């Protein structure tokens, strides 16, 4: 909790802090409500409160998230891969879409924001039909039901820079008025180029993880993980983009994340973060 409060004090305006998922399947996330109680009162340098994102995967998670003070945005991973969707949520396409419609309706009524992450947006290894037109159809559907923030996820790190540009442009150009971002995974040597091509394509919302902490267990390659926040910021800074995070603050944040890595490297397996 101290770590998350520190990130806010350093100027990180959007923090993906908690997940309201089954403690049976993800015991590391069993205490999300307790985390949010400790995070209460966290402030940005401006004195404003940060945007705190809570991830849900079903109706039960939504109920918990909406009942938890401080969660300002609900996030949901909507997979366009039938295999991945069934393996992770045991849902059909129709069931998953019905849940998204519920999320949109309930978050709006509660005065919360909603972000939909489109899993497998840049391709998948499951030999399924895939293409920019499927991603485009999905974001158009999301816009039509009222969703205004979407993040395209390269869940298993398969995208080339050309894929990132092509898919992003197809999606963003089809839904004026919707903020389309990217949630990219990559090997370290390809991360900066993917960020740069997304920026050149018009992307202004980038998900990242400090020092690349975390990743997708389905990636099948331990070198493929979340693109480090520091790589995103450095790449954008080289383009002259003002990110609001100064070099000193970033160094402090990375050092804190390094301490977490060291601590959990020696923790029991069940206590390690995803």
Protein backbone atom coordinates (compact mmCIF):
# COMPACT_ATOMS: atom_id res chain seq x y z
CA UNK A 1 0.00 0.00 0.00
CA UNK A 2 2.87 2.34 0.80
CA UNK A 3 4.24 1.58 -2.65
CA UNK A 4 0.99 2.57 -4.39
CA UNK A 5 0.65 5.75 -2.33
CA UNK A 6 4.22 6.65 -3.28
CA UNK A 7 3.45 6.21 -6.98
CA UNK A 8 0.62 8.73 -6.66
CA UNK A 9 2.85 11.20 -4.81
CA UNK A 10 5.40 10.95 -7.64
CA UNK A 11 2.80 11.98 -10.21
CA UNK A 12 1.43 8.75 -11.70
CA UNK A 13 -2.16 9.77 -12.46
CA UNK A 14 -3.56 6.36 -13.45
CA UNK A 15 -2.70 3.35 -11.29
CA UNK A 16 -3.87 -0.19 -11.98
CA UNK A 17 -3.91 -1.11 -8.32
CA UNK A 18 -6.24 -4.02 -7.58
CA UNK A 19 -8.13 -6.96 -9.09
CA UNK A 20 -11.45 -8.26 -7.81
CA UNK A 21 -11.03 -11.89 -8.80
CA UNK A 22 -11.60 -15.21 -7.04
CA UNK A 23 -9.23 -15.65 -4.07
CA UNK A 24 -9.40 -19.38 -4.80
CA UNK A 25 -7.77 -18.90 -8.20
CA UNK A 26 -5.63 -15.81 -7.47
CA UNK A 27 -4.84 -15.74 -3.74
CA UNK A 28 -2.46 -12.81 -4.22
CA UNK A 29 -5.46 -10.57 -4.93
CA UNK A 30 -7.63 -11.70 -2.02
CA UNK A 31 -7.12 -8.47 -0.07
CA UNK A 32 -8.05 -5.86 -2.70
CA UNK A 33 -10.57 -4.18 -0.38
CA UNK A 34 -7.93 -3.89 2.34
CA UNK A 35 -5.46 -2.41 -0.15
CA UNK A 36 -7.99 0.22 -1.15
CA UNK A 37 -8.66 1.15 2.48
CA UNK A 38 -4.96 1.80 2.98
CA UNK A 39 -4.75 3.69 -0.31
CA UNK A 40 -7.52 6.07 0.76
CA UNK A 41 -6.36 9.66 0.73
CA UNK A 42 -3.50 9.16 -1.74
CA UNK A 43 -2.80 12.38 -3.61
CA UNK A 44 -0.96 13.56 -6.68
CA UNK A 45 1.53 16.44 -6.35
CA UNK A 46 -1.29 18.70 -7.59
CA UNK A 47 -3.45 17.67 -4.65
CA UNK A 48 -5.86 15.74 -6.86
CA UNK A 49 -6.73 12.11 -6.29
CA UNK A 50 -5.28 9.57 -8.72
CA UNK A 51 -7.42 7.41 -10.98
CA UNK A 52 -7.42 3.94 -9.43
CA UNK A 53 -8.24 1.04 -11.73
CA UNK A 54 -9.75 -2.20 -10.43
CA UNK A 55 -9.89 -5.23 -12.74
CA UNK A 56 -12.96 -7.49 -12.77
CA UNK A 57 -13.76 -10.63 -14.75
CA UNK A 58 -17.36 -11.38 -13.76
CA UNK A 59 -20.48 -10.03 -12.05
CA UNK A 60 -19.19 -10.90 -8.59
CA UNK A 61 -16.04 -8.91 -9.18
CA UNK A 62 -18.05 -5.96 -10.45
CA UNK A 63 -20.19 -6.00 -7.31
CA UNK A 64 -17.10 -5.98 -5.11
CA UNK A 65 -15.42 -3.21 -7.11
CA UNK A 66 -18.46 -0.93 -7.04
CA UNK A 67 -18.77 -1.45 -3.28
CA UNK A 68 -15.14 -0.44 -2.71
CA UNK A 69 -14.49 3.28 -2.15
CA UNK A 70 -11.63 4.74 -4.11
CA UNK A 71 -11.92 2.56 -7.20
CA UNK A 72 -12.64 5.15 -9.88
CA UNK A 73 -12.28 3.02 -13.00
CA UNK A 74 -13.36 -0.57 -13.68
CA UNK A 75 -11.24 -2.56 -16.13
CA UNK A 76 -12.27 -5.69 -17.99
CA UNK A 77 -10.20 -7.92 -20.33
CA UNK A 78 -12.42 -8.81 -23.29
CA UNK A 79 -10.79 -11.50 -25.42
CA UNK A 80 -11.34 -11.79 -29.15
CA UNK A 81 -9.74 -15.25 -28.96
CA UNK A 82 -12.31 -17.96 -28.24
CA UNK A 83 -9.64 -20.28 -26.82
CA UNK A 84 -8.14 -17.64 -24.52
CA UNK A 85 -11.58 -16.42 -23.40
CA UNK A 86 -12.70 -19.93 -22.51
CA UNK A 87 -9.43 -20.79 -20.75
CA UNK A 88 -9.41 -17.63 -18.64
CA UNK A 89 -13.06 -16.86 -17.98
CA UNK A 90 -14.95 -19.96 -19.16
CA UNK A 91 -17.27 -17.74 -21.20
CA UNK A 92 -18.69 -17.80 -24.68
CA UNK A 93 -18.50 -14.70 -26.88
CA UNK A 94 -22.15 -13.93 -26.17
CA UNK A 95 -21.67 -14.28 -22.40
CA UNK A 96 -18.61 -12.04 -22.43
CA UNK A 97 -20.39 -9.38 -24.49
CA UNK A 98 -23.39 -9.50 -22.15
CA UNK A 99 -21.02 -8.90 -19.24
CA UNK A 100 -19.44 -5.89 -20.99
CA UNK A 101 -22.90 -4.40 -21.51
CA UNK A 102 -23.61 -4.89 -17.80
CA UNK A 103 -20.28 -3.28 -16.90
CA UNK A 104 -21.06 -0.26 -19.07
CA UNK A 105 -24.53 0.15 -17.62
CA UNK A 106 -23.55 -0.34 -13.96
CA UNK A 107 -20.37 1.76 -14.01
CA UNK A 108 -22.24 4.64 -15.65
CA UNK A 109 -24.99 4.45 -13.05
CA UNK A 110 -22.39 4.44 -10.26
CA UNK A 111 -20.44 7.38 -11.69
CA UNK A 112 -17.36 5.24 -12.38
CA UNK A 113 -15.30 5.02 -15.55
CA UNK A 114 -14.80 1.87 -17.64
CA UNK A 115 -11.84 0.70 -19.68
CA UNK A 116 -12.05 -2.42 -21.85
CA UNK A 117 -8.81 -4.22 -22.66
CA UNK A 118 -9.09 -6.16 -25.92
CA UNK A 119 -7.00 -9.27 -25.30
CA UNK A 120 -5.22 -10.85 -28.28
CA UNK A 121 -5.77 -7.69 -30.32
CA UNK A 122 -2.50 -8.13 -32.22
CA UNK A 123 -2.75 -11.84 -33.00
CA UNK A 124 -2.54 -15.12 -31.12
CA UNK A 125 -0.80 -18.50 -31.31
CA UNK A 126 -3.99 -20.56 -31.31
CA UNK A 127 -4.57 -20.89 -35.05
CA UNK A 128 -7.84 -18.94 -34.89
CA UNK A 129 -9.30 -16.41 -37.32
CA UNK A 130 -7.70 -13.04 -36.63
CA UNK A 131 -7.13 -9.73 -38.39
CA UNK A 132 -7.43 -5.96 -37.98
CA UNK A 133 -11.02 -6.19 -39.21
CA UNK A 134 -11.95 -8.32 -36.16
CA UNK A 135 -10.40 -5.74 -33.84
CA UNK A 136 -12.16 -2.95 -35.74
CA UNK A 137 -15.53 -4.70 -35.44
CA UNK A 138 -14.96 -5.08 -31.71
CA UNK A 139 -14.12 -1.44 -31.03
CA UNK A 140 -17.07 -0.30 -33.14
CA UNK A 141 -19.36 -2.53 -31.07
CA UNK A 142 -17.85 -1.13 -27.87
CA UNK A 143 -18.43 2.43 -29.04
CA UNK A 144 -22.01 1.63 -29.97
CA UNK A 145 -22.80 0.42 -26.45
CA UNK A 146 -21.23 3.49 -24.87
CA UNK A 147 -17.66 2.47 -24.01
CA UNK A 148 -15.29 5.41 -24.41
CA UNK A 149 -11.90 3.99 -23.36
CA UNK A 150 -10.32 0.93 -24.99
CA UNK A 151 -6.83 -0.53 -24.68
CA UNK A 152 -5.53 -2.90 -27.35
CA UNK A 153 -3.53 -5.68 -25.69
CA UNK A 154 -0.72 -7.73 -27.20
CA UNK A 155 -1.36 -10.41 -24.61
CA UNK A 156 1.35 -12.87 -25.63
CA UNK A 157 3.83 -10.44 -27.18
CA UNK A 158 3.44 -11.68 -30.74
CA UNK A 159 3.09 -8.32 -32.49
CA UNK A 160 5.76 -6.85 -34.73
CA UNK A 161 6.08 -3.06 -34.87
CA UNK A 162 4.29 -3.18 -38.23
CA UNK A 163 1.42 -5.11 -36.61
CA UNK A 164 1.14 -2.52 -33.84
CA UNK A 165 0.87 0.36 -36.30
CA UNK A 166 -1.52 -1.44 -38.65
CA UNK A 167 -3.94 -2.67 -36.00
CA UNK A 168 -3.87 0.53 -33.98
CA UNK A 169 -4.64 2.69 -37.00
CA UNK A 170 -7.47 0.39 -38.12
CA UNK A 171 -9.06 0.49 -34.68
CA UNK A 172 -8.57 4.15 -33.84
CA UNK A 173 -9.68 5.40 -37.25
CA UNK A 174 -12.97 3.51 -36.95
CA UNK A 175 -14.14 5.01 -33.64
CA UNK A 176 -13.87 8.79 -33.45
CA UNK A 177 -14.54 9.98 -29.91
CA UNK A 178 -13.16 6.84 -28.24
CA UNK A 179 -9.77 6.93 -26.50
CA UNK A 180 -7.80 3.99 -27.88
CA UNK A 181 -4.64 3.01 -26.07
CA UNK A 182 -2.22 0.10 -26.12
CA UNK A 183 -1.20 -2.50 -23.56
CA UNK A 184 1.90 -4.04 -25.08
CA UNK A 185 4.06 -6.98 -24.10
CA UNK A 186 7.47 -7.43 -25.66
CA UNK A 187 10.96 -8.77 -25.41
CA UNK A 188 13.21 -6.01 -24.04
CA UNK A 189 15.01 -5.41 -27.34
CA UNK A 190 11.78 -4.69 -29.22
CA UNK A 191 9.89 -2.63 -26.65
CA UNK A 192 10.95 0.91 -27.58
CA UNK A 193 10.20 0.44 -31.28
CA UNK A 194 6.68 -0.79 -30.53
CA UNK A 195 6.02 2.24 -28.33
CA UNK A 196 7.33 4.58 -30.99
CA UNK A 197 5.25 3.19 -33.84
CA UNK A 198 2.13 3.31 -31.68
CA UNK A 199 2.84 6.96 -30.86
CA UNK A 200 3.42 7.80 -34.52
CA UNK A 201 0.10 6.10 -35.32
CA UNK A 202 -1.64 8.48 -32.92
CA UNK A 203 -1.68 6.58 -29.62
CA UNK A 204 -1.56 8.75 -26.50
CA UNK A 205 -2.52 6.18 -23.86
CA UNK A 206 0.13 3.60 -22.96
CA UNK A 207 -0.11 0.94 -20.26
CA UNK A 208 3.19 0.01 -18.67
CA UNK A 209 4.65 -1.70 -15.61
CA UNK A 210 7.60 -0.27 -13.73
CA UNK A 211 10.70 -2.37 -14.51
CA UNK A 212 8.38 -4.63 -16.53
CA UNK A 213 7.14 -6.28 -13.33
CA UNK A 214 4.49 -8.89 -14.11
CA UNK A 215 3.47 -10.37 -17.42
CA UNK A 216 1.20 -12.97 -18.94
CA UNK A 217 1.77 -16.56 -17.76
CA UNK A 218 0.45 -17.75 -21.12
CA UNK A 219 3.21 -16.00 -23.07
CA UNK A 220 5.33 -19.13 -23.02
CA UNK A 221 8.55 -17.09 -22.85
CA UNK A 222 9.86 -15.56 -19.64
CA UNK A 223 11.46 -12.73 -21.64
CA UNK A 224 8.09 -11.58 -22.95
CA UNK A 225 6.45 -9.32 -20.38
CA UNK A 226 4.89 -5.95 -19.79
CA UNK A 227 6.77 -3.12 -21.46
CA UNK A 228 8.54 -1.23 -18.67
CA UNK A 229 7.03 2.15 -17.84
CA UNK A 230 10.51 3.64 -17.89
CA UNK A 231 10.95 2.45 -21.50
CA UNK A 232 7.65 4.06 -22.46
CA UNK A 233 8.60 7.35 -20.79
CA UNK A 234 12.14 7.41 -22.21
CA UNK A 235 10.90 6.68 -25.72
CA UNK A 236 8.29 9.43 -25.52
CA UNK A 237 10.75 11.88 -23.93
CA UNK A 238 13.12 11.32 -26.86
CA UNK A 239 10.27 12.57 -29.06
CA UNK A 240 9.92 15.69 -26.93
CA UNK A 241 6.69 14.50 -25.29
CA UNK A 242 5.95 15.95 -21.83
CA UNK A 243 4.81 13.01 -19.68
CA UNK A 244 4.51 14.76 -16.31
CA UNK A 245 6.97 12.35 -14.67
CA UNK A 246 10.44 13.76 -14.13
CA UNK A 247 13.66 11.74 -14.19
CA UNK A 248 14.15 11.88 -10.42
CA UNK A 249 10.63 10.66 -9.72
CA UNK A 250 11.03 7.84 -12.21
CA UNK A 251 14.30 6.73 -10.61
CA UNK A 252 12.63 6.65 -7.19
CA UNK A 253 9.70 4.63 -8.54
CA UNK A 254 12.00 2.12 -10.24
CA UNK A 255 14.05 1.72 -7.07
CA UNK A 256 10.90 0.97 -5.07
CA UNK A 257 9.82 -1.58 -7.67
CA UNK A 258 13.28 -3.16 -7.53
CA UNK A 259 12.88 -3.55 -3.77
CA UNK A 260 9.56 -5.34 -4.36
CA UNK A 261 11.20 -7.66 -6.88
CA UNK A 262 13.91 -8.55 -4.37
CA UNK A 263 11.42 -9.13 -1.57
CA UNK A 264 9.16 -11.41 -3.59
CA UNK A 265 12.05 -13.28 -5.16
CA UNK A 266 12.51 -14.95 -1.77
CA UNK A 267 8.81 -15.23 -0.88
CA UNK A 268 6.73 -18.44 -1.03
CA UNK A 269 5.34 -19.07 -4.50
CA UNK A 270 1.73 -18.35 -3.48
CA UNK A 271 2.68 -14.90 -2.25
CA UNK A 272 4.38 -13.75 -5.42
CA UNK A 273 2.59 -11.16 -7.62
CA UNK A 274 1.45 -12.07 -11.15
